[in-house]
Amino acid sequence: MLTREQIEQRIVRYGELKPCKTAFIDAHTPGCDQKENFTIIGGGVSESPDQHVHISETPGFNIGAAGQPPICKNSLHSHRTAEVFFVLKGSWEFFWGRWGTAGRVRLEEGDIFNIPTGIFRGFQNVGNDYGMIMAILGGDDAGGGVIWAPQVIENAQDHGLILGENGRLYDSKKGESLPDGVASMPLLTEEELKAFPEPGVGDVIPNYIARYWDLMAMAAGQPAKVIGEDATLRDKPGFEVDLIREGSIPEAAYSIDQHEILMVMRGYWKVAVDGIETILAPGDTMAVPPGSSRSMAPSMTGESSMYRVRNTEDAAGPTWTPS
């Protein structure tokens, strides 16, 4: 049985998120230099020792977030395991391919994108206000870090940031340089770049993107299965995702032998863990451990929804297969 103090330690409130503005190699690159990176559960893939980790214990995957003002971009990169985003606030454009020209799509609040593993991807806030996207990264170590498109590393060096082969950033503007025995991160060769697919929009949108209002309709009376073996987005990335809304699940308590992460999208939710009640607000994240009794229901009338993530025994590794 968890105590109230232990339960509160497993909740990360939106208003208490601690950002890092130097998390990645493009932190000084014009157009990318206003990003804020958040690691909510697990260490994520940050390259900066300044990154604050809210909950270090991982349930087989990591939870993070990116906050950006209008026009600000996140540079082209790839991962070895899954990267899933849903839009919490604002309007966002995602683009992919070696130069970001293979395809692009616009996502609105609540939309979710299971980005194909192994492709270069980037994203930009195209709304009028500060925006936030929430991320689920496969694996306890999130795949061992970020793989950057070569031009990103070259551009960063022009603005004072060097990425070491150890995965750490060194800022020449602060007088830092690579330590003895540590070389700079090598650029991918043209031969290595051939291994990164360039899927078109027709391959990506129907298989890797789900729209919020479609999921809300599906969740009337039962959870909408979003990512999983028999879900809208059929994939097995080491976790499964569903969307619940008012009326999706009974209010009675239940217990499962999986980790369960609750990520509130809309409305206020009354969640009871081992009989202890708390209220979750939009943007809040809660980690419920296996075996604990839990129940959840909207605490107010009106639109309410949350994404619920559970670990599975599937491998966290690559899932992209060209059509």
C-alpha atoms as a PDB file:
ATOM      1  CA  MET A   1       0.000   0.000   0.000  1.00  0.00           C
ATOM      2  CA  LEU A   2       1.319   3.416  -0.960  1.00  0.00           C
ATOM      3  CA  THR A   3       1.187   6.357   1.428  1.00  0.00           C
ATOM      4  CA  ARG A   4      -0.053   9.780   0.333  1.00  0.00           C
ATOM      5  CA  GLU A   5       3.526  11.046   0.308  1.00  0.00           C
ATOM      6  CA  GLN A   6       4.606   8.181  -1.963  1.00  0.00           C
ATOM      7  CA  ILE A   7       1.687   8.837  -4.297  1.00  0.00           C
ATOM      8  CA  GLU A   8       2.511  12.548  -4.558  1.00  0.00           C
ATOM      9  CA  GLN A   9       6.104  11.627  -5.411  1.00  0.00           C
ATOM     10  CA  ARG A  10       4.750   9.720  -8.410  1.00  0.00           C
ATOM     11  CA  ILE A  11       2.879  12.733  -9.795  1.00  0.00           C
ATOM     12  CA  VAL A  12       4.520  15.401 -11.964  1.00  0.00           C
ATOM     13  CA  ARG A  13       2.324  18.491 -12.119  1.00  0.00           C
ATOM     14  CA  TYR A  14       2.319  20.530 -15.312  1.00  0.00           C
ATOM     15  CA  GLY A  15       2.925  23.740 -13.385  1.00  0.00           C
ATOM     16  CA  GLU A  16       5.982  22.227 -11.656  1.00  0.00           C
ATOM     17  CA  LEU A  17       7.793  21.007 -14.774  1.00  0.00           C
ATOM     18  CA  LYS A  18      11.451  22.080 -14.823  1.00  0.00           C
ATOM     19  CA  PRO A  19      12.768  22.843 -18.323  1.00  0.00           C
ATOM     20  CA  CYS A  20      16.239  22.540 -19.773  1.00  0.00           C
ATOM     21  CA  LYS A  21      17.105  25.002 -22.548  1.00  0.00           C
ATOM     22  CA  THR A  22      20.444  23.393 -23.406  1.00  0.00           C
ATOM     23  CA  ALA A  23      19.316  19.773 -23.746  1.00  0.00           C
ATOM     24  CA  PHE A  24      20.452  19.169 -27.326  1.00  0.00           C
ATOM     25  CA  ILE A  25      23.101  20.068 -29.840  1.00  0.00           C
ATOM     26  CA  ASP A  26      20.954  22.669 -31.632  1.00  0.00           C
ATOM     27  CA  ALA A  27      20.451  24.729 -28.447  1.00  0.00           C
ATOM     28  CA  HIS A  28      22.378  27.689 -29.952  1.00  0.00           C
ATOM     29  CA  THR A  29      21.303  27.244 -33.587  1.00  0.00           C
ATOM     30  CA  PRO A  30      19.099  30.164 -34.737  1.00  0.00           C
ATOM     31  CA  GLY A  31      15.488  29.061 -35.066  1.00  0.00           C
ATOM     32  CA  CYS A  32      16.013  26.225 -32.579  1.00  0.00           C
ATOM     33  CA  ASP A  33      17.464  28.130 -29.634  1.00  0.00           C
ATOM     34  CA  GLN A  34      14.267  28.753 -27.672  1.00  0.00           C
ATOM     35  CA  LYS A  35      13.307  25.132 -27.083  1.00  0.00           C
ATOM     36  CA  GLU A  36      12.569  23.757 -23.639  1.00  0.00           C
ATOM     37  CA  ASN A  37      13.034  20.064 -22.952  1.00  0.00           C
ATOM     38  CA  PHE A  38      11.438  18.197 -20.059  1.00  0.00           C
ATOM     39  CA  THR A  39      12.236  14.726 -18.713  1.00  0.00           C
ATOM     40  CA  ILE A  40       9.240  13.576 -16.706  1.00  0.00           C
ATOM     41  CA  ILE A  41       9.898   9.853 -16.223  1.00  0.00           C
ATOM     42  CA  GLY A  42      13.367   8.436 -16.921  1.00  0.00           C
ATOM     43  CA  GLY A  43      16.432  10.243 -18.178  1.00  0.00           C
ATOM     44  CA  GLY A  44      15.168  10.529 -21.741  1.00  0.00           C
ATOM     45  CA  VAL A  45      17.733  11.361 -24.409  1.00  0.00           C
ATOM     46  CA  SER A  46      19.019  14.732 -23.195  1.00  0.00           C
ATOM     47  CA  GLU A  47      22.666  15.484 -23.975  1.00  0.00           C
ATOM     48  CA  SER A  48      23.026  18.025 -21.157  1.00  0.00           C
ATOM     49  CA  PRO A  49      24.037  17.434 -17.525  1.00  0.00           C
ATOM     50  CA  ASP A  50      21.714  20.342 -16.657  1.00  0.00           C
ATOM     51  CA  GLN A  51      18.604  18.312 -17.506  1.00  0.00           C
ATOM     52  CA  HIS A  52      16.308  17.829 -14.502  1.00  0.00           C
ATOM     53  CA  VAL A  53      14.750  14.364 -14.162  1.00  0.00           C
ATOM     54  CA  HIS A  54      11.457  14.401 -12.249  1.00  0.00           C
ATOM     55  CA  ILE A  55      11.027  10.631 -11.721  1.00  0.00           C
ATOM     56  CA  SER A  56      14.097   8.493 -12.377  1.00  0.00           C
ATOM     57  CA  GLU A  57      12.429   5.061 -12.201  1.00  0.00           C
ATOM     58  CA  THR A  58      11.452   3.828 -15.654  1.00  0.00           C
ATOM     59  CA  PRO A  59       8.572   1.443 -16.414  1.00  0.00           C
ATOM     60  CA  GLY A  60      10.132   0.102 -19.632  1.00  0.00           C
ATOM     61  CA  PHE A  61       9.804   3.447 -21.407  1.00  0.00           C
ATOM     62  CA  ASN A  62      10.467   7.166 -20.815  1.00  0.00           C
ATOM     63  CA  ILE A  63       8.059  10.100 -20.665  1.00  0.00           C
ATOM     64  CA  GLY A  64       9.152  13.582 -21.706  1.00  0.00           C
ATOM     65  CA  ALA A  65       7.890  16.782 -23.274  1.00  0.00           C
ATOM     66  CA  ALA A  66       8.980  19.630 -25.522  1.00  0.00           C
ATOM     67  CA  GLY A  67       7.821  23.204 -25.134  1.00  0.00           C
ATOM     68  CA  GLN A  68       8.447  25.755 -27.869  1.00  0.00           C
ATOM     69  CA  PRO A  69       7.327  29.261 -28.786  1.00  0.00           C
ATOM     70  CA  PRO A  70       5.877  29.939 -32.257  1.00  0.00           C
ATOM     71  CA  ILE A  71       8.140  29.184 -35.249  1.00  0.00           C
ATOM     72  CA  CYS A  72      10.746  27.423 -33.078  1.00  0.00           C
ATOM     73  CA  LYS A  73      12.000  24.122 -34.561  1.00  0.00           C
ATOM     74  CA  ASN A  74      13.448  20.873 -33.299  1.00  0.00           C
ATOM     75  CA  SER A  75      16.182  19.702 -35.676  1.00  0.00           C
ATOM     76  CA  LEU A  76      16.220  16.509 -37.724  1.00  0.00           C
ATOM     77  CA  HIS A  77      17.162  13.448 -35.688  1.00  0.00           C
ATOM     78  CA  SER A  78      16.405   9.760 -35.367  1.00  0.00           C
ATOM     79  CA  HIS A  79      15.954   7.197 -32.592  1.00  0.00           C
ATOM     80  CA  ARG A  80      16.585   3.466 -32.323  1.00  0.00           C
ATOM     81  CA  THR A  81      13.342   2.896 -30.427  1.00  0.00           C
ATOM     82  CA  ALA A  82       9.830   4.304 -30.519  1.00  0.00           C
ATOM     83  CA  GLU A  83       9.073   8.009 -30.255  1.00  0.00           C
ATOM     84  CA  VAL A  84       5.393   8.840 -29.799  1.00  0.00           C
ATOM     85  CA  PHE A  85       4.082  12.396 -29.439  1.00  0.00           C
ATOM     86  CA  PHE A  86       0.685  13.802 -28.626  1.00  0.00           C
ATOM     87  CA  VAL A  87      -0.081  17.511 -28.797  1.00  0.00           C
ATOM     88  CA  LEU A  88      -1.041  18.956 -25.423  1.00  0.00           C
ATOM     89  CA  LYS A  89      -1.132  22.610 -26.480  1.00  0.00           C
ATOM     90  CA  GLY A  90      -1.010  24.407 -29.809  1.00  0.00           C
ATOM     91  CA  SER A  91      -0.568  23.423 -33.441  1.00  0.00           C
ATOM     92  CA  TRP A  92       2.521  21.552 -34.612  1.00  0.00           C
ATOM     93  CA  GLU A  93       4.017  20.494 -37.909  1.00  0.00           C
ATOM     94  CA  PHE A  94       6.098  17.332 -38.089  1.00  0.00           C
ATOM     95  CA  PHE A  95       8.445  16.672 -41.004  1.00  0.00           C
ATOM     96  CA  TRP A  96      10.744  13.795 -41.853  1.00  0.00           C
ATOM     97  CA  GLY A  97      13.457  12.485 -44.158  1.00  0.00           C
ATOM     98  CA  ARG A  98      17.180  13.195 -44.557  1.00  0.00           C
ATOM     99  CA  TRP A  99      16.479  16.858 -45.342  1.00  0.00           C
ATOM    100  CA  GLY A 100      12.972  17.020 -43.884  1.00  0.00           C
ATOM    101  CA  THR A 101      11.407  16.897 -47.332  1.00  0.00           C
ATOM    102  CA  ALA A 102      10.068  13.317 -47.520  1.00  0.00           C
ATOM    103  CA  GLY A 103       6.792  14.346 -45.912  1.00  0.00           C
ATOM    104  CA  ARG A 104       5.115  16.607 -43.395  1.00  0.00           C
ATOM    105  CA  VAL A 105       1.861  16.691 -41.459  1.00  0.00           C
ATOM    106  CA  ARG A 106       0.092  19.133 -39.139  1.00  0.00           C
ATOM    107  CA  LEU A 107      -1.191  17.951 -35.766  1.00  0.00           C
ATOM    108  CA  GLU A 108      -3.672  19.710 -33.512  1.00  0.00           C
ATOM    109  CA  GLU A 109      -4.372  19.353 -29.797  1.00  0.00           C
ATOM    110  CA  GLY A 110      -4.893  15.732 -28.773  1.00  0.00           C
ATOM    111  CA  ASP A 111      -3.607  14.233 -32.039  1.00  0.00           C
ATOM    112  CA  ILE A 112      -1.017  11.483 -31.587  1.00  0.00           C
ATOM    113  CA  PHE A 113       1.893  10.479 -33.851  1.00  0.00           C
ATOM    114  CA  ASN A 114       3.750   7.183 -33.511  1.00  0.00           C
ATOM    115  CA  ILE A 115       6.770   8.292 -35.540  1.00  0.00           C
ATOM    116  CA  PRO A 116       8.222   5.430 -37.620  1.00  0.00           C
ATOM    117  CA  THR A 117      11.421   4.160 -36.044  1.00  0.00           C
ATOM    118  CA  GLY A 118      14.677   4.827 -37.841  1.00  0.00           C
ATOM    119  CA  ILE A 119      13.708   7.863 -39.927  1.00  0.00           C
ATOM    120  CA  PHE A 120      14.960  11.412 -39.464  1.00  0.00           C
ATOM    121  CA  ARG A 121      12.245  13.599 -37.978  1.00  0.00           C
ATOM    122  CA  GLY A 122      11.796  17.147 -36.726  1.00  0.00           C
ATOM    123  CA  PHE A 123       8.944  19.352 -35.591  1.00  0.00           C
ATOM    124  CA  GLN A 124       7.933  22.991 -35.328  1.00  0.00           C
ATOM    125  CA  ASN A 125       5.380  24.974 -33.389  1.00  0.00           C
ATOM    126  CA  VAL A 126       3.189  26.529 -36.101  1.00  0.00           C
ATOM    127  CA  GLY A 127       0.626  28.009 -33.708  1.00  0.00           C
ATOM    128  CA  ASN A 128       0.391  31.535 -32.344  1.00  0.00           C
ATOM    129  CA  ASP A 129       1.296  30.775 -28.732  1.00  0.00           C
ATOM    130  CA  TYR A 130       3.722  28.695 -26.693  1.00  0.00           C
ATOM    131  CA  GLY A 131       2.999  25.033 -27.411  1.00  0.00           C
ATOM    132  CA  MET A 132       3.678  21.731 -25.679  1.00  0.00           C
ATOM    133  CA  ILE A 133       3.953  18.182 -26.972  1.00  0.00           C
ATOM    134  CA  MET A 134       4.201  15.146 -24.710  1.00  0.00           C
ATOM    135  CA  ALA A 135       6.500  12.266 -25.652  1.00  0.00           C
ATOM    136  CA  ILE A 136       6.760   8.528 -24.978  1.00  0.00           C
ATOM    137  CA  LEU A 137      10.194   7.050 -25.732  1.00  0.00           C
ATOM    138  CA  GLY A 138      10.694   3.306 -25.989  1.00  0.00           C
ATOM    139  CA  GLY A 139      13.088   1.435 -23.714  1.00  0.00           C
ATOM    140  CA  ASP A 140      14.452   2.132 -20.242  1.00  0.00           C
ATOM    141  CA  ASP A 141      17.460   3.925 -21.766  1.00  0.00           C
ATOM    142  CA  ALA A 142      15.400   5.435 -24.635  1.00  0.00           C
ATOM    143  CA  GLY A 143      17.463   3.644 -27.257  1.00  0.00           C
ATOM    144  CA  GLY A 144      20.852   4.986 -26.221  1.00  0.00           C
ATOM    145  CA  GLY A 145      20.429   8.586 -27.384  1.00  0.00           C
ATOM    146  CA  VAL A 146      19.792  10.691 -30.464  1.00  0.00           C
ATOM    147  CA  ILE A 147      21.163  10.199 -33.976  1.00  0.00           C
ATOM    148  CA  TRP A 148      21.492  13.604 -35.640  1.00  0.00           C
ATOM    149  CA  ALA A 149      21.375  14.368 -39.343  1.00  0.00           C
ATOM    150  CA  PRO A 150      24.929  15.441 -40.325  1.00  0.00           C
ATOM    151  CA  GLN A 151      23.963  19.012 -41.154  1.00  0.00           C
ATOM    152  CA  VAL A 152      22.599  19.509 -37.622  1.00  0.00           C
ATOM    153  CA  ILE A 153      25.977  18.710 -36.059  1.00  0.00           C
ATOM    154  CA  GLU A 154      27.785  20.936 -38.569  1.00  0.00           C
ATOM    155  CA  ASN A 155      25.422  23.863 -37.958  1.00  0.00           C
ATOM    156  CA  ALA A 156      25.773  23.479 -34.192  1.00  0.00           C
ATOM    157  CA  GLN A 157      29.568  23.688 -34.383  1.00  0.00           C
ATOM    158  CA  ASP A 158      29.215  27.033 -36.167  1.00  0.00           C
ATOM    159  CA  HIS A 159      27.366  28.286 -33.072  1.00  0.00           C
ATOM    160  CA  GLY A 160      29.683  26.934 -30.395  1.00  0.00           C
ATOM    161  CA  LEU A 161      28.267  23.542 -29.459  1.00  0.00           C
ATOM    162  CA  ILE A 162      30.230  20.319 -29.953  1.00  0.00           C
ATOM    163  CA  LEU A 163      28.810  16.858 -29.330  1.00  0.00           C
ATOM    164  CA  GLY A 164      31.313  14.360 -27.983  1.00  0.00           C
ATOM    165  CA  GLU A 165      31.306  10.717 -28.953  1.00  0.00           C
ATOM    166  CA  ASN A 166      30.298  10.122 -25.323  1.00  0.00           C
ATOM    167  CA  GLY A 167      26.933  11.760 -26.077  1.00  0.00           C
ATOM    168  CA  ARG A 168      27.672  14.910 -24.054  1.00  0.00           C
ATOM    169  CA  LEU A 169      27.598  18.527 -25.204  1.00  0.00           C
ATOM    170  CA  TYR A 170      30.513  20.959 -24.814  1.00  0.00           C
ATOM    171  CA  ASP A 171      29.904  24.698 -25.156  1.00  0.00           C
ATOM    172  CA  SER A 172      32.829  26.721 -26.482  1.00  0.00           C
ATOM    173  CA  LYS A 173      30.937  29.913 -25.534  1.00  0.00           C
ATOM    174  CA  LYS A 174      31.503  28.846 -21.913  1.00  0.00           C
ATOM    175  CA  GLY A 175      35.140  27.973 -22.530  1.00  0.00           C
ATOM    176  CA  GLU A 176      34.442  24.248 -22.697  1.00  0.00           C
ATOM    177  CA  SER A 177      36.261  21.875 -25.020  1.00  0.00           C
ATOM    178  CA  LEU A 178      36.322  18.145 -25.608  1.00  0.00           C
ATOM    179  CA  PRO A 179      38.077  16.321 -22.736  1.00  0.00           C
ATOM    180  CA  ASP A 180      41.288  14.448 -23.393  1.00  0.00           C
ATOM    181  CA  GLY A 181      40.535  11.110 -24.968  1.00  0.00           C
ATOM    182  CA  VAL A 182      37.042  12.130 -26.129  1.00  0.00           C
ATOM    183  CA  ALA A 183      36.562  12.710 -29.854  1.00  0.00           C
ATOM    184  CA  SER A 184      33.698  14.588 -31.439  1.00  0.00           C
ATOM    185  CA  MET A 185      30.663  12.614 -32.557  1.00  0.00           C
ATOM    186  CA  PRO A 186      31.419  11.355 -36.074  1.00  0.00           C
ATOM    187  CA  LEU A 187      29.087  12.379 -38.878  1.00  0.00           C
ATOM    188  CA  LEU A 188      27.086   9.653 -40.550  1.00  0.00           C
ATOM    189  CA  THR A 189      28.634   8.623 -43.855  1.00  0.00           C
ATOM    190  CA  GLU A 190      26.708   8.607 -47.112  1.00  0.00           C
ATOM    191  CA  GLU A 191      26.674   4.815 -46.960  1.00  0.00           C
ATOM    192  CA  GLU A 192      25.264   4.853 -43.423  1.00  0.00           C
ATOM    193  CA  LEU A 193      22.625   7.392 -44.445  1.00  0.00           C
ATOM    194  CA  LYS A 194      21.225   4.926 -46.985  1.00  0.00           C
ATOM    195  CA  ALA A 195      19.879   2.859 -44.076  1.00  0.00           C
ATOM    196  CA  PHE A 196      17.435   5.649 -43.095  1.00  0.00           C
ATOM    197  CA  PRO A 197      14.081   5.253 -44.931  1.00  0.00           C
ATOM    198  CA  GLU A 198      12.306   8.124 -46.677  1.00  0.00           C
ATOM    199  CA  PRO A 199       8.626   7.132 -46.351  1.00  0.00           C
ATOM    200  CA  GLY A 200       6.092   9.325 -48.071  1.00  0.00           C
ATOM    201  CA  VAL A 201       2.981  10.891 -46.580  1.00  0.00           C
ATOM    202  CA  GLY A 202       0.846   8.053 -47.942  1.00  0.00           C
ATOM    203  CA  ASP A 203       2.840   5.523 -45.932  1.00  0.00           C
ATOM    204  CA  VAL A 204       2.928   7.488 -42.697  1.00  0.00           C
ATOM    205  CA  ILE A 205      -0.413   9.227 -42.143  1.00  0.00           C
ATOM    206  CA  PRO A 206      -2.818   6.265 -42.266  1.00  0.00           C
ATOM    207  CA  ASN A 207      -0.583   3.956 -40.233  1.00  0.00           C
ATOM    208  CA  TYR A 208       1.125   6.165 -37.669  1.00  0.00           C
ATOM    209  CA  ILE A 209      -1.216   9.096 -36.898  1.00  0.00           C
ATOM    210  CA  ALA A 210      -4.517   9.106 -34.996  1.00  0.00           C
ATOM    211  CA  ARG A 211      -6.728  12.169 -34.666  1.00  0.00           C
ATOM    212  CA  TYR A 212      -8.043  13.190 -31.270  1.00  0.00           C
ATOM    213  CA  TRP A 213     -11.705  13.569 -32.171  1.00  0.00           C
ATOM    214  CA  ASP A 214     -11.751  10.193 -33.917  1.00  0.00           C
ATOM    215  CA  LEU A 215     -10.351   8.626 -30.761  1.00  0.00           C
ATOM    216  CA  MET A 216     -12.843  10.499 -28.579  1.00  0.00           C
ATOM    217  CA  ALA A 217     -15.676   9.029 -30.637  1.00  0.00           C
ATOM    218  CA  MET A 218     -14.188   5.548 -30.318  1.00  0.00           C
ATOM    219  CA  ALA A 219     -13.766   6.008 -26.548  1.00  0.00           C
ATOM    220  CA  ALA A 220     -17.482   6.511 -25.900  1.00  0.00           C
ATOM    221  CA  GLY A 221     -18.297   3.532 -23.668  1.00  0.00           C
ATOM    222  CA  GLN A 222     -14.882   1.864 -23.749  1.00  0.00           C
ATOM    223  CA  PRO A 223     -11.206   2.872 -23.943  1.00  0.00           C
ATOM    224  CA  ALA A 224      -9.985   3.654 -27.461  1.00  0.00           C
ATOM    225  CA  LYS A 225      -6.991   1.439 -28.215  1.00  0.00           C
ATOM    226  CA  VAL A 226      -4.455   3.781 -29.793  1.00  0.00           C
ATOM    227  CA  ILE A 227      -1.149   1.877 -29.999  1.00  0.00           C
ATOM    228  CA  GLY A 228      -0.887  -1.887 -29.616  1.00  0.00           C
ATOM    229  CA  GLU A 229      -1.178  -5.167 -31.440  1.00  0.00           C
ATOM    230  CA  ASP A 230      -4.920  -4.729 -32.131  1.00  0.00           C
ATOM    231  CA  ALA A 231      -5.111  -0.925 -31.875  1.00  0.00           C
ATOM    232  CA  THR A 232      -5.798   1.906 -34.326  1.00  0.00           C
ATOM    233  CA  LEU A 233      -2.027   2.243 -34.797  1.00  0.00           C
ATOM    234  CA  ARG A 234      -0.919  -1.391 -34.923  1.00  0.00           C
ATOM    235  CA  ASP A 235       2.506  -1.536 -33.360  1.00  0.00           C
ATOM    236  CA  LYS A 236       4.364  -3.269 -30.532  1.00  0.00           C
ATOM    237  CA  PRO A 237       6.994  -0.748 -29.362  1.00  0.00           C
ATOM    238  CA  GLY A 238       7.326  -2.018 -25.782  1.00  0.00           C
ATOM    239  CA  PHE A 239       4.222  -0.209 -24.526  1.00  0.00           C
ATOM    240  CA  GLU A 240       0.546   0.171 -25.337  1.00  0.00           C
ATOM    241  CA  VAL A 241      -1.525   3.353 -25.345  1.00  0.00           C
ATOM    242  CA  ASP A 242      -5.223   3.987 -25.044  1.00  0.00           C
ATOM    243  CA  LEU A 243      -7.403   7.076 -24.688  1.00  0.00           C
ATOM    244  CA  ILE A 244     -10.098   7.233 -22.048  1.00  0.00           C
ATOM    245  CA  ARG A 245     -12.811   9.834 -21.575  1.00  0.00           C
ATOM    246  CA  GLU A 246     -15.853  10.287 -19.385  1.00  0.00           C
ATOM    247  CA  GLY A 247     -17.782   7.010 -19.464  1.00  0.00           C
ATOM    248  CA  SER A 248     -14.951   4.964 -21.008  1.00  0.00           C
ATOM    249  CA  ILE A 249     -14.306   2.842 -17.920  1.00  0.00           C
ATOM    250  CA  PRO A 250     -16.247   1.906 -14.778  1.00  0.00           C
ATOM    251  CA  GLU A 251     -15.480   3.951 -11.677  1.00  0.00           C
ATOM    252  CA  ALA A 252     -14.753   0.787  -9.669  1.00  0.00           C
ATOM    253  CA  ALA A 253     -11.135   0.229  -8.599  1.00  0.00           C
ATOM    254  CA  TYR A 254      -8.969  -2.277 -10.451  1.00  0.00           C
ATOM    255  CA  SER A 255      -5.428  -3.617 -10.235  1.00  0.00           C
ATOM    256  CA  ILE A 256      -3.024  -4.808 -12.948  1.00  0.00           C
ATOM    257  CA  ASP A 257       0.490  -6.264 -12.988  1.00  0.00           C
ATOM    258  CA  GLN A 258       1.784  -3.567 -15.367  1.00  0.00           C
ATOM    259  CA  HIS A 259       3.091  -0.068 -14.830  1.00  0.00           C
ATOM    260  CA  GLU A 260       0.398   2.433 -15.799  1.00  0.00           C
ATOM    261  CA  ILE A 261       1.153   6.064 -16.681  1.00  0.00           C
ATOM    262  CA  LEU A 262      -1.742   8.522 -16.718  1.00  0.00           C
ATOM    263  CA  MET A 263      -1.290  11.640 -18.869  1.00  0.00           C
ATOM    264  CA  VAL A 264      -4.192  14.064 -18.691  1.00  0.00           C
ATOM    265  CA  MET A 265      -5.195  15.741 -21.929  1.00  0.00           C
ATOM    266  CA  ARG A 266      -8.419  17.569 -21.011  1.00  0.00           C
ATOM    267  CA  GLY A 267     -10.489  18.154 -17.886  1.00  0.00           C
ATOM    268  CA  TYR A 268      -9.835  17.306 -14.247  1.00  0.00           C
ATOM    269  CA  TRP A 269      -9.682  13.708 -13.074  1.00  0.00           C
ATOM    270  CA  LYS A 270     -10.204  12.244  -9.616  1.00  0.00           C
ATOM    271  CA  VAL A 271      -7.749   9.383  -9.258  1.00  0.00           C
ATOM    272  CA  ALA A 272      -7.633   7.093  -6.226  1.00  0.00           C
ATOM    273  CA  VAL A 273      -4.569   4.887  -5.644  1.00  0.00           C
ATOM    274  CA  ASP A 274      -4.763   2.401  -2.776  1.00  0.00           C
ATOM    275  CA  GLY A 275      -7.786   4.358  -1.561  1.00  0.00           C
ATOM    276  CA  ILE A 276      -6.025   7.747  -1.481  1.00  0.00           C
ATOM    277  CA  GLU A 277      -7.616  10.351  -3.744  1.00  0.00           C
ATOM    278  CA  THR A 278      -5.934  13.116  -5.723  1.00  0.00           C
ATOM    279  CA  ILE A 279      -6.942  15.416  -8.584  1.00  0.00           C
ATOM    280  CA  LEU A 280      -5.036  15.458 -11.865  1.00  0.00           C
ATOM    281  CA  ALA A 281      -5.205  18.491 -14.173  1.00  0.00           C
ATOM    282  CA  PRO A 282      -4.371  18.901 -17.903  1.00  0.00           C
ATOM    283  CA  GLY A 283      -0.672  18.260 -18.485  1.00  0.00           C
ATOM    284  CA  ASP A 284      -0.202  16.311 -15.239  1.00  0.00           C
ATOM    285  CA  THR A 285       1.496  12.894 -15.393  1.00  0.00           C
ATOM    286  CA  MET A 286       1.053  10.134 -12.811  1.00  0.00           C
ATOM    287  CA  ALA A 287       2.945   6.830 -12.523  1.00  0.00           C
ATOM    288  CA  VAL A 288       0.887   4.063 -10.902  1.00  0.00           C
ATOM    289  CA  PRO A 289       2.988   0.994  -9.981  1.00  0.00           C
ATOM    290  CA  PRO A 290       1.969  -2.617 -10.648  1.00  0.00           C
ATOM    291  CA  GLY A 291      -0.289  -4.176  -8.040  1.00  0.00           C
ATOM    292  CA  SER A 292      -1.717  -0.949  -6.650  1.00  0.00           C
ATOM    293  CA  SER A 293      -5.464  -0.513  -6.667  1.00  0.00           C
ATOM    294  CA  ARG A 294      -6.539   2.431  -8.776  1.00  0.00           C
ATOM    295  CA  SER A 295      -9.719   4.113 -10.020  1.00  0.00           C
ATOM    296  CA  MET A 296     -10.276   7.211 -12.108  1.00  0.00           C
ATOM    297  CA  ALA A 297     -13.196   9.381 -13.145  1.00  0.00           C
ATOM    298  CA  PRO A 298     -13.707  12.988 -14.275  1.00  0.00           C
ATOM    299  CA  SER A 299     -14.158  15.296 -11.303  1.00  0.00           C
ATOM    300  CA  MET A 300     -16.122  17.923 -13.258  1.00  0.00           C
ATOM    301  CA  THR A 301     -18.605  17.994 -16.106  1.00  0.00           C
ATOM    302  CA  GLY A 302     -17.505  18.764 -19.640  1.00  0.00           C
ATOM    303  CA  GLU A 303     -14.837  17.385 -21.935  1.00  0.00           C
ATOM    304  CA  SER A 304     -12.346  15.115 -20.212  1.00  0.00           C
ATOM    305  CA  SER A 305      -9.716  12.794 -21.622  1.00  0.00           C
ATOM    306  CA  MET A 306      -6.386  11.219 -20.804  1.00  0.00           C
ATOM    307  CA  TYR A 307      -3.830   9.021 -22.499  1.00  0.00           C
ATOM    308  CA  ARG A 308      -3.017   5.874 -20.540  1.00  0.00           C
ATOM    309  CA  VAL A 309       0.279   4.075 -21.200  1.00  0.00           C
ATOM    310  CA  ARG A 310       1.185   0.561 -20.029  1.00  0.00           C
ATOM    311  CA  ASN A 311       4.399  -1.399 -20.441  1.00  0.00           C
ATOM    312  CA  THR A 312       4.333  -4.661 -22.414  1.00  0.00           C
ATOM    313  CA  GLU A 313       6.765  -7.527 -22.897  1.00  0.00           C
ATOM    314  CA  ASP A 314       7.362  -6.572 -26.531  1.00  0.00           C
ATOM    315  CA  ALA A 315      10.832  -5.464 -27.537  1.00  0.00           C
ATOM    316  CA  ALA A 316      11.316  -1.700 -27.557  1.00  0.00           C
ATOM    317  CA  GLY A 317      13.362  -1.805 -30.757  1.00  0.00           C
ATOM    318  CA  PRO A 318      12.718  -0.820 -34.383  1.00  0.00           C
ATOM    319  CA  THR A 319       9.206  -1.207 -35.712  1.00  0.00           C
ATOM    320  CA  TRP A 320       9.328   0.558 -39.097  1.00  0.00           C
ATOM    321  CA  THR A 321       8.887  -1.745 -42.092  1.00  0.00           C
ATOM    322  CA  PRO A 322       8.590  -0.102 -45.540  1.00  0.00           C
ATOM    323  CA  SER A 323       5.415  -0.901 -47.428  1.00  0.00           C
END
